[in-house]
PDB file of N, CA and C in Angstrom:
ATOM      1  N   MET A   1       0.979  -0.984  -0.190  1.00  0.00           N
ATOM      2  CA  MET A   1       0.244   0.173   0.079  1.00  0.00           C
ATOM      3  C   MET A   1       1.240   1.343  -0.299  1.00  0.00           C
ATOM      4  N   TYR A   2       0.378   2.413  -0.619  1.00  0.00           N
ATOM      5  CA  TYR A   2       1.234   3.298  -0.671  1.00  0.00           C
ATOM      6  C   TYR A   2       0.138   4.613  -0.038  1.00  0.00           C
ATOM      7  N   SER A   3       0.747   5.750   0.295  1.00  0.00           N
ATOM      8  CA  SER A   3      -0.234   6.662   0.934  1.00  0.00           C
ATOM      9  C   SER A   3      -0.133   7.359  -0.601  1.00  0.00           C
ATOM     10  N   GLY A   4      -1.390   8.319  -0.590  1.00  0.00           N
ATOM     11  CA  GLY A   4      -1.711   9.544  -1.558  1.00  0.00           C
ATOM     12  C   GLY A   4      -1.616  10.918  -1.241  1.00  0.00           C
ATOM     13  N   ASP A   5      -1.171  10.587   0.327  1.00  0.00           N
ATOM     14  CA  ASP A   5      -1.400  11.952   0.552  1.00  0.00           C
ATOM     15  C   ASP A   5      -0.100  12.354   2.002  1.00  0.00           C
ATOM     16  N   ASP A   6       0.746  13.260   1.253  1.00  0.00           N
ATOM     17  CA  ASP A   6       1.850  13.119   2.133  1.00  0.00           C
ATOM     18  C   ASP A   6       1.932  13.669   3.542  1.00  0.00           C
ATOM     19  N   GLY A   7       0.733  13.941   3.858  1.00  0.00           N
ATOM     20  CA  GLY A   7       1.313  14.385   5.406  1.00  0.00           C
ATOM     21  C   GLY A   7       0.609  12.855   6.208  1.00  0.00           C
ATOM     22  N   LEU A   8       0.050  11.757   5.468  1.00  0.00           N
ATOM     23  CA  LEU A   8       0.145  10.924   5.910  1.00  0.00           C
ATOM     24  C   LEU A   8       0.799   9.963   5.717  1.00  0.00           C
ATOM     25  N   THR A   9       2.222   9.869   5.059  1.00  0.00           N
ATOM     26  CA  THR A   9       3.801   8.914   4.771  1.00  0.00           C
ATOM     27  C   THR A   9       3.792   8.219   5.754  1.00  0.00           C
ATOM     28  N   ILE A  10       4.042   8.862   6.741  1.00  0.00           N
ATOM     29  CA  ILE A  10       4.682   8.445   8.369  1.00  0.00           C
ATOM     30  C   ILE A  10       3.810   7.526   8.793  1.00  0.00           C
ATOM     31  N   PRO A  11       2.654   7.691   9.174  1.00  0.00           N
ATOM     32  CA  PRO A  11       1.418   6.867   9.750  1.00  0.00           C
ATOM     33  C   PRO A  11       0.873   5.315   8.598  1.00  0.00           C
ATOM     34  N   VAL A  12       0.751   5.648   7.204  1.00  0.00           N
ATOM     35  CA  VAL A  12       0.999   4.878   6.581  1.00  0.00           C
ATOM     36  C   VAL A  12       2.193   3.702   6.158  1.00  0.00           C
ATOM     37  N   LEU A  13       3.428   4.154   6.484  1.00  0.00           N
ATOM     38  CA  LEU A  13       4.566   3.433   6.587  1.00  0.00           C
ATOM     39  C   LEU A  13       4.429   2.670   8.349  1.00  0.00           C
ATOM     40  N   ALA A  14       3.753   3.490   9.139  1.00  0.00           N
ATOM     41  CA  ALA A  14       3.699   2.484  10.387  1.00  0.00           C
ATOM     42  C   ALA A  14       2.975   1.427  10.496  1.00  0.00           C
ATOM     43  N   ILE A  15       1.707   1.683   9.363  1.00  0.00           N
ATOM     44  CA  ILE A  15       1.078   0.129   9.656  1.00  0.00           C
ATOM     45  C   ILE A  15       1.432  -0.779   8.171  1.00  0.00           C
ATOM     46  N   GLY A  16       2.726  -0.794   7.990  1.00  0.00           N
ATOM     47  CA  GLY A  16       3.227  -1.795   6.978  1.00  0.00           C
ATOM     48  C   GLY A  16       3.099  -0.956   5.360  1.00  0.00           C
ATOM     49  N   GLY A  17       2.587   0.018   5.400  1.00  0.00           N
ATOM     50  CA  GLY A  17       2.586   0.668   4.027  1.00  0.00           C
ATOM     51  C   GLY A  17       4.341   0.788   3.235  1.00  0.00           C
ATOM     52  N   ALA A  18       4.148   1.014   1.973  1.00  0.00           N
ATOM     53  CA  ALA A  18       5.530   0.892   1.178  1.00  0.00           C
ATOM     54  C   ALA A  18       6.305   2.458   0.973  1.00  0.00           C
ATOM     55  N   GLY A  19       5.479   3.136   1.029  1.00  0.00           N
ATOM     56  CA  GLY A  19       5.967   4.836   0.340  1.00  0.00           C
ATOM     57  C   GLY A  19       4.404   5.624  -0.222  1.00  0.00           C
ATOM     58  N   VAL A  20       5.180   6.642  -0.992  1.00  0.00           N
ATOM     59  CA  VAL A  20       4.150   7.483  -0.995  1.00  0.00           C
ATOM     60  C   VAL A  20       3.946   7.671  -2.534  1.00  0.00           C
ATOM     61  N   VAL A  21       3.029   7.909  -2.915  1.00  0.00           N
ATOM     62  CA  VAL A  21       2.897   8.854  -3.990  1.00  0.00           C
ATOM     63  C   VAL A  21       2.985  10.197  -3.868  1.00  0.00           C
ATOM     64  N   SER A  22       3.866  10.858  -4.447  1.00  0.00           N
ATOM     65  CA  SER A  22       3.904  12.828  -3.195  1.00  0.00           C
ATOM     66  C   SER A  22       4.000  13.481  -4.328  1.00  0.00           C
ATOM     67  N   VAL A  23       3.014  14.451  -3.853  1.00  0.00           N
ATOM     68  CA  VAL A  23       3.396  15.628  -4.768  1.00  0.00           C
ATOM     69  C   VAL A  23       4.061  16.543  -4.203  1.00  0.00           C
ATOM     70  N   ALA A  24       4.399  16.384  -2.786  1.00  0.00           N
ATOM     71  CA  ALA A  24       5.609  17.395  -2.545  1.00  0.00           C
ATOM     72  C   ALA A  24       6.867  16.985  -2.641  1.00  0.00           C
ATOM     73  N   SER A  25       6.625  15.944  -3.062  1.00  0.00           N
ATOM     74  CA  SER A  25       7.985  15.936  -3.806  1.00  0.00           C
ATOM     75  C   SER A  25       8.647  16.399  -4.856  1.00  0.00           C
ATOM     76  N   HIS A  26       7.692  17.047  -5.615  1.00  0.00           N
ATOM     77  CA  HIS A  26       8.232  18.006  -6.437  1.00  0.00           C
ATOM     78  C   HIS A  26       9.136  18.798  -5.955  1.00  0.00           C
ATOM     79  N   ILE A  27       8.792  19.575  -4.673  1.00  0.00           N
ATOM     80  CA  ILE A  27       9.241  20.560  -3.798  1.00  0.00           C
ATOM     81  C   ILE A  27      10.251  19.823  -2.667  1.00  0.00           C
ATOM     82  N   ILE A  28      10.155  19.239  -2.043  1.00  0.00           N
ATOM     83  CA  ILE A  28      11.028  18.519  -1.001  1.00  0.00           C
ATOM     84  C   ILE A  28      11.287  17.210  -1.310  1.00  0.00           C
ATOM     85  N   GLY A  29      11.624  16.362  -2.346  1.00  0.00           N
ATOM     86  CA  GLY A  29      11.950  15.149  -2.977  1.00  0.00           C
ATOM     87  C   GLY A  29      12.947  14.710  -2.066  1.00  0.00           C
ATOM     88  N   ASN A  30      13.953  14.571  -1.890  1.00  0.00           N
ATOM     89  CA  ASN A  30      14.873  14.762  -0.869  1.00  0.00           C
ATOM     90  C   ASN A  30      14.953  14.469   0.356  1.00  0.00           C
ATOM     91  N   GLN A  31      13.965  15.553   0.849  1.00  0.00           N
ATOM     92  CA  GLN A  31      13.621  15.317   2.347  1.00  0.00           C
ATOM     93  C   GLN A  31      12.627  14.259   2.609  1.00  0.00           C
ATOM     94  N   MET A  32      12.146  14.401   1.742  1.00  0.00           N
ATOM     95  CA  MET A  32      10.938  12.760   1.785  1.00  0.00           C
ATOM     96  C   MET A  32      11.657  11.498   1.540  1.00  0.00           C
ATOM     97  N   GLN A  33      12.549  11.478   0.539  1.00  0.00           N
ATOM     98  CA  GLN A  33      13.207  10.325   0.382  1.00  0.00           C
ATOM     99  C   GLN A  33      14.046  10.066   1.745  1.00  0.00           C
ATOM    100  N   GLU A  34      14.466  11.184   2.471  1.00  0.00           N
ATOM    101  CA  GLU A  34      15.507  10.730   4.018  1.00  0.00           C
ATOM    102  C   GLU A  34      14.579  10.810   4.816  1.00  0.00           C
ATOM    103  N   MET A  35      13.319  11.208   4.935  1.00  0.00           N
ATOM    104  CA  MET A  35      12.218  10.804   6.069  1.00  0.00           C
ATOM    105  C   MET A  35      12.049   9.349   6.317  1.00  0.00           C
ATOM    106  N   ILE A  36      11.242   8.997   4.719  1.00  0.00           N
ATOM    107  CA  ILE A  36      11.203   7.279   4.645  1.00  0.00           C
ATOM    108  C   ILE A  36      11.969   6.242   4.741  1.00  0.00           C
ATOM    109  N   THR A  37      13.726   7.229   4.239  1.00  0.00           N
ATOM    110  CA  THR A  37      14.800   6.155   4.583  1.00  0.00           C
ATOM    111  C   THR A  37      14.882   5.816   6.203  1.00  0.00           C
ATOM    112  N   LYS A  38      14.800   6.825   6.467  1.00  0.00           N
ATOM    113  CA  LYS A  38      15.153   6.646   7.983  1.00  0.00           C
ATOM    114  C   LYS A  38      14.140   6.165   9.291  1.00  0.00           C
ATOM    115  N   PHE A  39      12.426   6.273   8.644  1.00  0.00           N
ATOM    116  CA  PHE A  39      11.777   5.384   9.361  1.00  0.00           C
ATOM    117  C   PHE A  39      12.356   3.815   9.023  1.00  0.00           C
ATOM    118  N   LYS A  40      12.250   3.911   7.403  1.00  0.00           N
ATOM    119  CA  LYS A  40      12.400   1.813   6.844  1.00  0.00           C
ATOM    120  C   LYS A  40      14.103   1.765   7.825  1.00  0.00           C
ATOM    121  N   ASN A  41      15.140   2.143   8.141  1.00  0.00           N
ATOM    122  CA  ASN A  41      16.495   1.948   8.669  1.00  0.00           C
ATOM    123  C   ASN A  41      16.010   1.638  10.140  1.00  0.00           C
ATOM    124  N   GLY A  42      14.945   2.364  10.925  1.00  0.00           N
ATOM    125  CA  GLY A  42      14.588   2.055  12.249  1.00  0.00           C
ATOM    126  C   GLY A  42      14.445   3.515  12.976  1.00  0.00           C
ATOM    127  N   HIS A  43      14.851   4.521  12.443  1.00  0.00           N
ATOM    128  CA  HIS A  43      15.027   5.339  12.947  1.00  0.00           C
ATOM    129  C   HIS A  43      14.225   6.313  12.781  1.00  0.00           C
ATOM    130  N   VAL A  44      13.151   5.510  13.708  1.00  0.00           N
ATOM    131  CA  VAL A  44      11.688   5.847  13.689  1.00  0.00           C
ATOM    132  C   VAL A  44      11.546   8.078  13.812  1.00  0.00           C
ATOM    133  N   GLN A  45      12.249   7.870  15.600  1.00  0.00           N
ATOM    134  CA  GLN A  45      12.099   8.948  16.147  1.00  0.00           C
ATOM    135  C   GLN A  45      12.584  10.009  15.028  1.00  0.00           C
ATOM    136  N   GLU A  46      13.637  10.013  14.510  1.00  0.00           N
ATOM    137  CA  GLU A  46      13.901  10.999  13.805  1.00  0.00           C
ATOM    138  C   GLU A  46      12.981  11.282  12.505  1.00  0.00           C
ATOM    139  N   ALA A  47      12.656  10.024  11.737  1.00  0.00           N
ATOM    140  CA  ALA A  47      11.832  10.134  10.529  1.00  0.00           C
ATOM    141  C   ALA A  47      10.283  10.882  11.384  1.00  0.00           C
ATOM    142  N   ALA A  48       9.754  10.743  12.735  1.00  0.00           N
ATOM    143  CA  ALA A  48       8.783  11.686  12.654  1.00  0.00           C
ATOM    144  C   ALA A  48       9.069  12.793  12.977  1.00  0.00           C
ATOM    145  N   ALA A  49      10.373  13.513  13.648  1.00  0.00           N
ATOM    146  CA  ALA A  49      10.712  14.869  13.176  1.00  0.00           C
ATOM    147  C   ALA A  49      10.569  15.422  12.056  1.00  0.00           C
ATOM    148  N   GLU A  50      11.148  14.751  11.123  1.00  0.00           N
ATOM    149  CA  GLU A  50      11.266  15.390  10.363  1.00  0.00           C
ATOM    150  C   GLU A  50      10.163  14.869   9.404  1.00  0.00           C
ATOM    151  N   HIS A  51       9.296  14.488   9.613  1.00  0.00           N
ATOM    152  CA  HIS A  51       7.734  14.611   9.307  1.00  0.00           C
ATOM    153  C   HIS A  51       6.733  15.868  10.132  1.00  0.00           C
ATOM    154  N   ARG A  52       7.321  16.235  10.964  1.00  0.00           N
ATOM    155  CA  ARG A  52       6.763  17.500  11.627  1.00  0.00           C
ATOM    156  C   ARG A  52       7.432  18.210  10.645  1.00  0.00           C
ATOM    157  N   ARG A  53       8.536  18.309  10.692  1.00  0.00           N
ATOM    158  CA  ARG A  53       9.050  19.602  10.167  1.00  0.00           C
ATOM    159  C   ARG A  53       8.402  19.835   8.675  1.00  0.00           C
ATOM    160  N   LEU A  54       8.193  19.022   7.942  1.00  0.00           N
ATOM    161  CA  LEU A  54       8.220  19.191   6.517  1.00  0.00           C
ATOM    162  C   LEU A  54       6.803  19.213   6.691  1.00  0.00           C
ATOM    163  N   LEU A  55       5.964  18.662   7.633  1.00  0.00           N
ATOM    164  CA  LEU A  55       4.054  18.851   7.603  1.00  0.00           C
ATOM    165  C   LEU A  55       3.465  20.478   7.145  1.00  0.00           C
ATOM    166  N   PRO A  56       4.262  21.170   7.532  1.00  0.00           N
ATOM    167  CA  PRO A  56       3.600  22.938   6.955  1.00  0.00           C
ATOM    168  C   PRO A  56       3.691  22.623   5.592  1.00  0.00           C
ATOM    169  N   ILE A  57       4.843  22.659   5.183  1.00  0.00           N
ATOM    170  CA  ILE A  57       4.934  22.509   3.308  1.00  0.00           C
ATOM    171  C   ILE A  57       4.270  21.266   2.984  1.00  0.00           C
ATOM    172  N   MET A  58       4.114  20.439   3.290  1.00  0.00           N
ATOM    173  CA  MET A  58       2.519  19.579   2.766  1.00  0.00           C
ATOM    174  C   MET A  58       1.759  20.012   2.685  1.00  0.00           C
ATOM    175  N   LYS A  59       1.017  20.638   3.659  1.00  0.00           N
ATOM    176  CA  LYS A  59      -0.052  21.261   4.200  1.00  0.00           C
ATOM    177  C   LYS A  59      -0.347  22.520   3.000  1.00  0.00           C
ATOM    178  N   ALA A  60       1.002  23.102   3.132  1.00  0.00           N
ATOM    179  CA  ALA A  60       0.536  24.429   2.277  1.00  0.00           C
ATOM    180  C   ALA A  60       0.410  24.013   0.848  1.00  0.00           C
ATOM    181  N   LEU A  61       0.802  22.827   0.432  1.00  0.00           N
ATOM    182  CA  LEU A  61       1.031  22.363  -1.251  1.00  0.00           C
ATOM    183  C   LEU A  61      -0.721  21.876  -1.504  1.00  0.00           C
ATOM    184  N   PHE A  62      -1.496  21.856  -0.585  1.00  0.00           N
ATOM    185  CA  PHE A  62      -2.654  21.634  -0.503  1.00  0.00           C
ATOM    186  C   PHE A  62      -3.361  22.879  -0.192  1.00  0.00           C
ATOM    187  N   MET A  63      -3.359  23.803  -0.073  1.00  0.00           N
ATOM    188  CA  MET A  63      -4.230  24.487   0.356  1.00  0.00           C
ATOM    189  C   MET A  63      -4.982  25.205  -0.944  1.00  0.00           C
ATOM    190  N   ALA A  64      -4.768  24.733  -1.902  1.00  0.00           N
ATOM    191  CA  ALA A  64      -6.025  24.649  -3.203  1.00  0.00           C
ATOM    192  C   ALA A  64      -5.767  23.389  -3.860  1.00  0.00           C
ATOM    193  N   PRO A  65      -7.048  23.490  -4.746  1.00  0.00           N
ATOM    194  CA  PRO A  65      -6.852  22.169  -5.856  1.00  0.00           C
ATOM    195  C   PRO A  65      -6.036  21.952  -5.979  1.00  0.00           C
ATOM    196  N   ASN A  66      -5.046  20.414  -6.488  1.00  0.00           N
ATOM    197  CA  ASN A  66      -3.957  20.452  -6.829  1.00  0.00           C
ATOM    198  C   ASN A  66      -3.903  20.286  -8.730  1.00  0.00           C
ATOM    199  N   PRO A  67      -3.223  21.014  -9.236  1.00  0.00           N
ATOM    200  CA  PRO A  67      -1.460  20.933  -8.808  1.00  0.00           C
ATOM    201  C   PRO A  67      -1.248  23.025  -8.803  1.00  0.00           C
ATOM    202  N   THR A  68      -2.871  23.470  -8.314  1.00  0.00           N
ATOM    203  CA  THR A  68      -2.120  24.537  -8.660  1.00  0.00           C
ATOM    204  C   THR A  68      -1.332  25.358  -7.239  1.00  0.00           C
ATOM    205  N   PRO A  69      -1.206  25.012  -6.413  1.00  0.00           N
ATOM    206  CA  PRO A  69      -0.133  25.440  -5.207  1.00  0.00           C
ATOM    207  C   PRO A  69       1.764  24.756  -5.820  1.00  0.00           C
ATOM    208  N   VAL A  70       1.391  23.219  -6.167  1.00  0.00           N
ATOM    209  CA  VAL A  70       2.983  22.861  -6.353  1.00  0.00           C
ATOM    210  C   VAL A  70       3.363  23.818  -7.899  1.00  0.00           C
ATOM    211  N   LYS A  71       2.428  24.170  -8.838  1.00  0.00           N
ATOM    212  CA  LYS A  71       2.897  24.815  -9.854  1.00  0.00           C
ATOM    213  C   LYS A  71       3.365  26.204  -9.295  1.00  0.00           C
ATOM    214  N   ALA A  72       2.809  26.311  -8.636  1.00  0.00           N
ATOM    215  CA  ALA A  72       3.276  28.067  -8.152  1.00  0.00           C
ATOM    216  C   ALA A  72       4.387  27.952  -6.773  1.00  0.00           C
ATOM    217  N   ALA A  73       4.663  26.912  -6.584  1.00  0.00           N
ATOM    218  CA  ALA A  73       5.774  26.804  -5.630  1.00  0.00           C
ATOM    219  C   ALA A  73       7.253  26.317  -6.615  1.00  0.00           C
ATOM    220  N   LEU A  74       6.567  25.581  -7.772  1.00  0.00           N
ATOM    221  CA  LEU A  74       8.135  25.341  -8.104  1.00  0.00           C
ATOM    222  C   LEU A  74       8.441  26.683  -9.088  1.00  0.00           C
ATOM    223  N   ASN A  75       7.079  27.564  -9.723  1.00  0.00           N
ATOM    224  CA  ASN A  75       7.312  28.960 -10.407  1.00  0.00           C
ATOM    225  C   ASN A  75       8.390  29.379  -9.521  1.00  0.00           C
ATOM    226  N   MET A  76       7.933  29.655  -7.954  1.00  0.00           N
ATOM    227  CA  MET A  76       8.474  30.586  -6.485  1.00  0.00           C
ATOM    228  C   MET A  76       9.870  30.090  -6.887  1.00  0.00           C
ATOM    229  N   GLN A  77      10.013  28.553  -6.966  1.00  0.00           N
ATOM    230  CA  GLN A  77      11.682  28.347  -6.575  1.00  0.00           C
ATOM    231  C   GLN A  77      12.347  28.555  -7.634  1.00  0.00           C
ATOM    232  N   GLY A  78      12.208  28.848  -8.845  1.00  0.00           N
ATOM    233  CA  GLY A  78      13.064  29.150 -10.210  1.00  0.00           C
ATOM    234  C   GLY A  78      12.762  28.402 -11.575  1.00  0.00           C
ATOM    235  N   VAL A  79      11.811  27.088 -11.234  1.00  0.00           N
ATOM    236  CA  VAL A  79      11.416  25.998 -12.180  1.00  0.00           C
ATOM    237  C   VAL A  79      10.165  26.620 -13.037  1.00  0.00           C
ATOM    238  N   GLN A  80      10.209  27.298 -14.232  1.00  0.00           N
ATOM    239  CA  GLN A  80       9.004  28.124 -14.679  1.00  0.00           C
ATOM    240  C   GLN A  80       8.080  26.639 -15.498  1.00  0.00           C
ATOM    241  N   VAL A  81       6.833  26.379 -14.693  1.00  0.00           N
ATOM    242  CA  VAL A  81       6.201  25.576 -15.176  1.00  0.00           C
ATOM    243  C   VAL A  81       4.755  25.982 -15.698  1.00  0.00           C
ATOM    244  N   GLY A  82       4.409  27.903 -15.833  1.00  0.00           N
ATOM    245  CA  GLY A  82       3.443  28.178 -16.515  1.00  0.00           C
ATOM    246  C   GLY A  82       2.703  28.339 -15.070  1.00  0.00           C
ATOM    247  N   ASP A  83       1.434  28.632 -15.363  1.00  0.00           N
ATOM    248  CA  ASP A  83      -0.063  28.550 -14.296  1.00  0.00           C
ATOM    249  C   ASP A  83      -1.033  27.340 -14.447  1.00  0.00           C
ATOM    250  N   VAL A  84      -1.997  27.364 -14.161  1.00  0.00           N
ATOM    251  CA  VAL A  84      -3.119  26.253 -14.750  1.00  0.00           C
ATOM    252  C   VAL A  84      -3.882  26.615 -15.290  1.00  0.00           C
ATOM    253  N   ARG A  85      -4.359  25.815 -15.980  1.00  0.00           N
ATOM    254  CA  ARG A  85      -5.630  25.990 -16.818  1.00  0.00           C
ATOM    255  C   ARG A  85      -6.930  25.955 -16.512  1.00  0.00           C
ATOM    256  N   LEU A  86      -7.839  26.536 -16.819  1.00  0.00           N
ATOM    257  CA  LEU A  86      -9.374  26.547 -16.366  1.00  0.00           C
ATOM    258  C   LEU A  86     -10.125  25.491 -16.740  1.00  0.00           C
ATOM    259  N   PRO A  87     -10.471  24.958 -15.925  1.00  0.00           N
ATOM    260  CA  PRO A  87     -11.372  25.906 -15.089  1.00  0.00           C
ATOM    261  C   PRO A  87     -10.804  26.302 -13.645  1.00  0.00           C
ATOM    262  N   MET A  88      -9.582  25.482 -13.544  1.00  0.00           N
ATOM    263  CA  MET A  88      -8.750  26.146 -12.084  1.00  0.00           C
ATOM    264  C   MET A  88      -7.807  27.503 -12.177  1.00  0.00           C
ATOM    265  N   ILE A  89      -8.054  27.761 -11.039  1.00  0.00           N
ATOM    266  CA  ILE A  89      -7.398  29.363 -11.236  1.00  0.00           C
ATOM    267  C   ILE A  89      -5.952  29.219 -10.239  1.00  0.00           C
ATOM    268  N   PRO A  90      -5.205  30.253 -10.712  1.00  0.00           N
ATOM    269  CA  PRO A  90      -4.109  30.592 -10.105  1.00  0.00           C
ATOM    270  C   PRO A  90      -4.183  30.837  -8.585  1.00  0.00           C
ATOM    271  N   LEU A  91      -3.220  30.993  -7.638  1.00  0.00           N
ATOM    272  CA  LEU A  91      -3.042  31.277  -6.092  1.00  0.00           C
ATOM    273  C   LEU A  91      -3.511  32.481  -6.394  1.00  0.00           C
ATOM    274  N   ASN A  92      -4.294  32.984  -4.892  1.00  0.00           N
ATOM    275  CA  ASN A  92      -4.425  34.460  -5.187  1.00  0.00           C
ATOM    276  C   ASN A  92      -2.861  35.564  -4.617  1.00  0.00           C
ATOM    277  N   GLU A  93      -2.919  36.376  -4.176  1.00  0.00           N
ATOM    278  CA  GLU A  93      -1.598  37.165  -3.976  1.00  0.00           C
ATOM    279  C   GLU A  93      -1.424  36.494  -2.418  1.00  0.00           C
ATOM    280  N   GLU A  94      -2.437  36.588  -1.647  1.00  0.00           N
ATOM    281  CA  GLU A  94      -2.680  36.123   0.089  1.00  0.00           C
ATOM    282  C   GLU A  94      -1.929  34.996   0.059  1.00  0.00           C
ATOM    283  N   GLU A  95      -2.824  33.654  -1.041  1.00  0.00           N
ATOM    284  CA  GLU A  95      -2.122  32.388  -0.820  1.00  0.00           C
ATOM    285  C   GLU A  95      -0.792  32.245  -1.169  1.00  0.00           C
ATOM    286  N   LYS A  96      -0.096  33.055  -2.338  1.00  0.00           N
ATOM    287  CA  LYS A  96       1.153  33.236  -2.314  1.00  0.00           C
ATOM    288  C   LYS A  96       2.049  33.096  -1.760  1.00  0.00           C
ATOM    289  N   SER A  97       1.678  34.380  -0.303  1.00  0.00           N
ATOM    290  CA  SER A  97       2.487  34.775   0.214  1.00  0.00           C
ATOM    291  C   SER A  97       2.750  33.665   1.411  1.00  0.00           C
ATOM    292  N   ALA A  98       1.385  32.986   1.856  1.00  0.00           N
ATOM    293  CA  ALA A  98       1.803  31.938   2.608  1.00  0.00           C
ATOM    294  C   ALA A  98       1.968  30.756   2.075  1.00  0.00           C
ATOM    295  N   LEU A  99       2.488  30.307   1.200  1.00  0.00           N
ATOM    296  CA  LEU A  99       3.278  29.495   0.460  1.00  0.00           C
ATOM    297  C   LEU A  99       4.722  29.713   0.465  1.00  0.00           C
ATOM    298  N   GLN A 100       4.552  30.858  -0.106  1.00  0.00           N
ATOM    299  CA  GLN A 100       6.417  31.597   0.116  1.00  0.00           C
ATOM    300  C   GLN A 100       6.380  31.826   1.576  1.00  0.00           C
ATOM    301  N   LYS A 101       5.784  31.851   2.541  1.00  0.00           N
ATOM    302  CA  LYS A 101       6.593  31.752   3.747  1.00  0.00           C
ATOM    303  C   LYS A 101       6.958  30.346   4.494  1.00  0.00           C
ATOM    304  N   VAL A 102       6.288  29.531   4.030  1.00  0.00           N
ATOM    305  CA  VAL A 102       6.805  27.871   4.565  1.00  0.00           C
ATOM    306  C   VAL A 102       7.820  27.155   3.389  1.00  0.00           C
ATOM    307  N   LEU A 103       8.034  27.918   2.233  1.00  0.00           N
ATOM    308  CA  LEU A 103       8.760  26.912   1.112  1.00  0.00           C
ATOM    309  C   LEU A 103      10.200  27.107   1.562  1.00  0.00           C
ATOM    310  N   PRO A 104      10.826  25.792   1.566  1.00  0.00           N
ATOM    311  CA  PRO A 104      12.711  25.832   2.089  1.00  0.00           C
ATOM    312  C   PRO A 104      12.858  26.670   0.687  1.00  0.00           C
ATOM    313  N   ILE A 105      14.164  27.470   1.194  1.00  0.00           N
ATOM    314  CA  ILE A 105      14.709  28.434   0.245  1.00  0.00           C
ATOM    315  C   ILE A 105      15.655  27.330  -0.566  1.00  0.00           C
ATOM    316  N   ASN A 106      15.636  27.656  -1.961  1.00  0.00           N
ATOM    317  CA  ASN A 106      17.182  27.114  -2.653  1.00  0.00           C
ATOM    318  C   ASN A 106      17.062  25.493  -2.951  1.00  0.00           C
ATOM    319  N   THR A 107      15.602  25.301  -2.757  1.00  0.00           N
ATOM    320  CA  THR A 107      15.569  23.373  -3.030  1.00  0.00           C
ATOM    321  C   THR A 107      15.824  23.132  -3.997  1.00  0.00           C
ATOM    322  N   LEU A 108      15.361  23.762  -5.097  1.00  0.00           N
ATOM    323  CA  LEU A 108      15.251  22.932  -6.771  1.00  0.00           C
ATOM    324  C   LEU A 108      16.498  23.811  -7.482  1.00  0.00           C
ATOM    325  N   VAL A 109      17.050  25.144  -7.239  1.00  0.00           N
ATOM    326  CA  VAL A 109      17.697  25.841  -8.140  1.00  0.00           C
ATOM    327  C   VAL A 109      19.040  25.883  -7.367  1.00  0.00           C
TER     328      VAL A 109
END
C-alpha cells in the first residue's frame, strides 16, 4: 500500500505501507526520501521529527486544488512551469504569500 497523501506518509509506513505517491516531492523530494529512509532503517523518532518539520510545507501544497499550489511553488523556486489552466485558477496573492513563507530556500535551484 502507498499513501496518496504526503501528510500521511509516516502513519502509512507505520502500518506496513510501502511508500507514498507524492506531490510534495516535487519541492522537497530529497527530504521526503530521507524521511522515508530513516523510518525504514528503524530511526522512527528521527523520521517523525522530519515529518513534523515538513508537514507545514505538505499542508501548504494542498491549500488549493492540486496542481495549483505545487505549480506556484515550482515557479517560485525558479522552475518555470506556467500557471494552471481553466477551470482552475492560480493562487491569489494572499495564498502565494502563505506558500512562500513555508517553502524551503533553494531546494531546486
